[in-house]
Amino acid sequence: MHELTQGTVTYASAWEVTGGTIELSIEKASTYGDGIVIIKYRDAQNVEAKIKNDLEDI
């Protein structure tokens, strides 16, 4: 945790699952000595729809 709060390490992992990806990371929090665990799930169908909308906006 000391290295994390100093910004010298990054903890992250990702897995591909049926229909999308799962990402797990531990990030530096604003309070010294604290970390934040972040779990993200992205399903392929919604990612494709977002890319399409973004391209239309351009």
C-alpha atoms as a PDB file:
ATOM      1  CA  MET A   1       0.000   0.000   0.000  1.00  0.00           C
ATOM      2  CA  HIS A   2       2.913   2.351   0.652  1.00  0.00           C
ATOM      3  CA  GLU A   3       4.145   1.953  -2.941  1.00  0.00           C
ATOM      4  CA  LEU A   4       0.601   2.425  -4.240  1.00  0.00           C
ATOM      5  CA  THR A   5       0.127   5.681  -2.332  1.00  0.00           C
ATOM      6  CA  GLN A   6       3.537   6.874  -3.568  1.00  0.00           C
ATOM      7  CA  GLY A   7       2.445   6.235  -7.150  1.00  0.00           C
ATOM      8  CA  THR A   8       5.307   3.830  -7.869  1.00  0.00           C
ATOM      9  CA  VAL A   9       3.152   0.768  -8.619  1.00  0.00           C
ATOM     10  CA  THR A  10      -0.119   0.011 -10.375  1.00  0.00           C
ATOM     11  CA  TYR A  11      -2.257  -3.017  -9.698  1.00  0.00           C
ATOM     12  CA  ALA A  12      -4.591  -4.033 -12.512  1.00  0.00           C
ATOM     13  CA  SER A  13      -5.900  -7.170 -14.147  1.00  0.00           C
ATOM     14  CA  ALA A  14      -8.447  -7.911 -16.871  1.00  0.00           C
ATOM     15  CA  TRP A  15     -10.364 -11.002 -17.957  1.00  0.00           C
ATOM     16  CA  GLU A  16     -12.307 -11.677 -21.111  1.00  0.00           C
ATOM     17  CA  VAL A  17     -15.621 -13.354 -20.373  1.00  0.00           C
ATOM     18  CA  THR A  18     -18.504 -14.348 -22.569  1.00  0.00           C
ATOM     19  CA  GLY A  19     -19.947 -11.111 -23.904  1.00  0.00           C
ATOM     20  CA  GLY A  20     -17.397  -8.654 -22.525  1.00  0.00           C
ATOM     21  CA  THR A  21     -14.504  -7.963 -20.156  1.00  0.00           C
ATOM     22  CA  ILE A  22     -14.011  -7.590 -16.414  1.00  0.00           C
ATOM     23  CA  GLU A  23     -11.321  -5.229 -15.116  1.00  0.00           C
ATOM     24  CA  LEU A  24     -10.042  -5.112 -11.525  1.00  0.00           C
ATOM     25  CA  SER A  25      -7.678  -2.413 -10.281  1.00  0.00           C
ATOM     26  CA  ILE A  26      -6.449  -0.857  -7.042  1.00  0.00           C
ATOM     27  CA  GLU A  27      -5.859   2.865  -7.301  1.00  0.00           C
ATOM     28  CA  LYS A  28      -4.462   5.551  -5.064  1.00  0.00           C
ATOM     29  CA  ALA A  29      -7.041   7.323  -2.920  1.00  0.00           C
ATOM     30  CA  SER A  30      -6.911  10.977  -1.890  1.00  0.00           C
ATOM     31  CA  THR A  31      -6.171  10.006   1.740  1.00  0.00           C
ATOM     32  CA  TYR A  32      -2.635   8.748   2.459  1.00  0.00           C
ATOM     33  CA  GLY A  33      -2.505   4.994   2.999  1.00  0.00           C
ATOM     34  CA  ASP A  34      -5.888   4.348   1.412  1.00  0.00           C
ATOM     35  CA  GLY A  35      -6.590   2.543  -1.818  1.00  0.00           C
ATOM     36  CA  ILE A  36      -9.716   2.165  -3.893  1.00  0.00           C
ATOM     37  CA  VAL A  37     -10.729  -1.153  -5.442  1.00  0.00           C
ATOM     38  CA  ILE A  38     -12.414  -0.635  -8.803  1.00  0.00           C
ATOM     39  CA  ILE A  39     -14.292  -3.351 -10.677  1.00  0.00           C
ATOM     40  CA  LYS A  40     -15.515  -2.600 -14.204  1.00  0.00           C
ATOM     41  CA  TYR A  41     -17.618  -4.750 -16.491  1.00  0.00           C
ATOM     42  CA  ARG A  42     -17.944  -3.873 -20.147  1.00  0.00           C
ATOM     43  CA  ASP A  43     -20.251  -5.851 -22.345  1.00  0.00           C
ATOM     44  CA  ALA A  44     -19.370  -5.934 -26.038  1.00  0.00           C
ATOM     45  CA  GLN A  45     -22.841  -4.933 -27.247  1.00  0.00           C
ATOM     46  CA  ASN A  46     -22.908  -1.630 -25.327  1.00  0.00           C
ATOM     47  CA  VAL A  47     -19.296  -0.799 -26.228  1.00  0.00           C
ATOM     48  CA  GLU A  48     -20.118  -1.174 -29.924  1.00  0.00           C
ATOM     49  CA  ALA A  49     -23.195   1.044 -29.524  1.00  0.00           C
ATOM     50  CA  LYS A  50     -21.127   3.736 -27.766  1.00  0.00           C
ATOM     51  CA  ILE A  51     -18.466   3.681 -30.494  1.00  0.00           C
ATOM     52  CA  LYS A  52     -21.184   4.027 -33.128  1.00  0.00           C
ATOM     53  CA  ASN A  53     -22.764   6.992 -31.285  1.00  0.00           C
ATOM     54  CA  ASP A  54     -19.379   8.648 -30.833  1.00  0.00           C
ATOM     55  CA  LEU A  55     -18.608   8.310 -34.538  1.00  0.00           C
ATOM     56  CA  GLU A  56     -21.973   9.816 -35.408  1.00  0.00           C
ATOM     57  CA  ASP A  57     -21.195  12.792 -33.140  1.00  0.00           C
ATOM     58  CA  ILE A  58     -17.979  13.431 -35.049  1.00  0.00           C
END
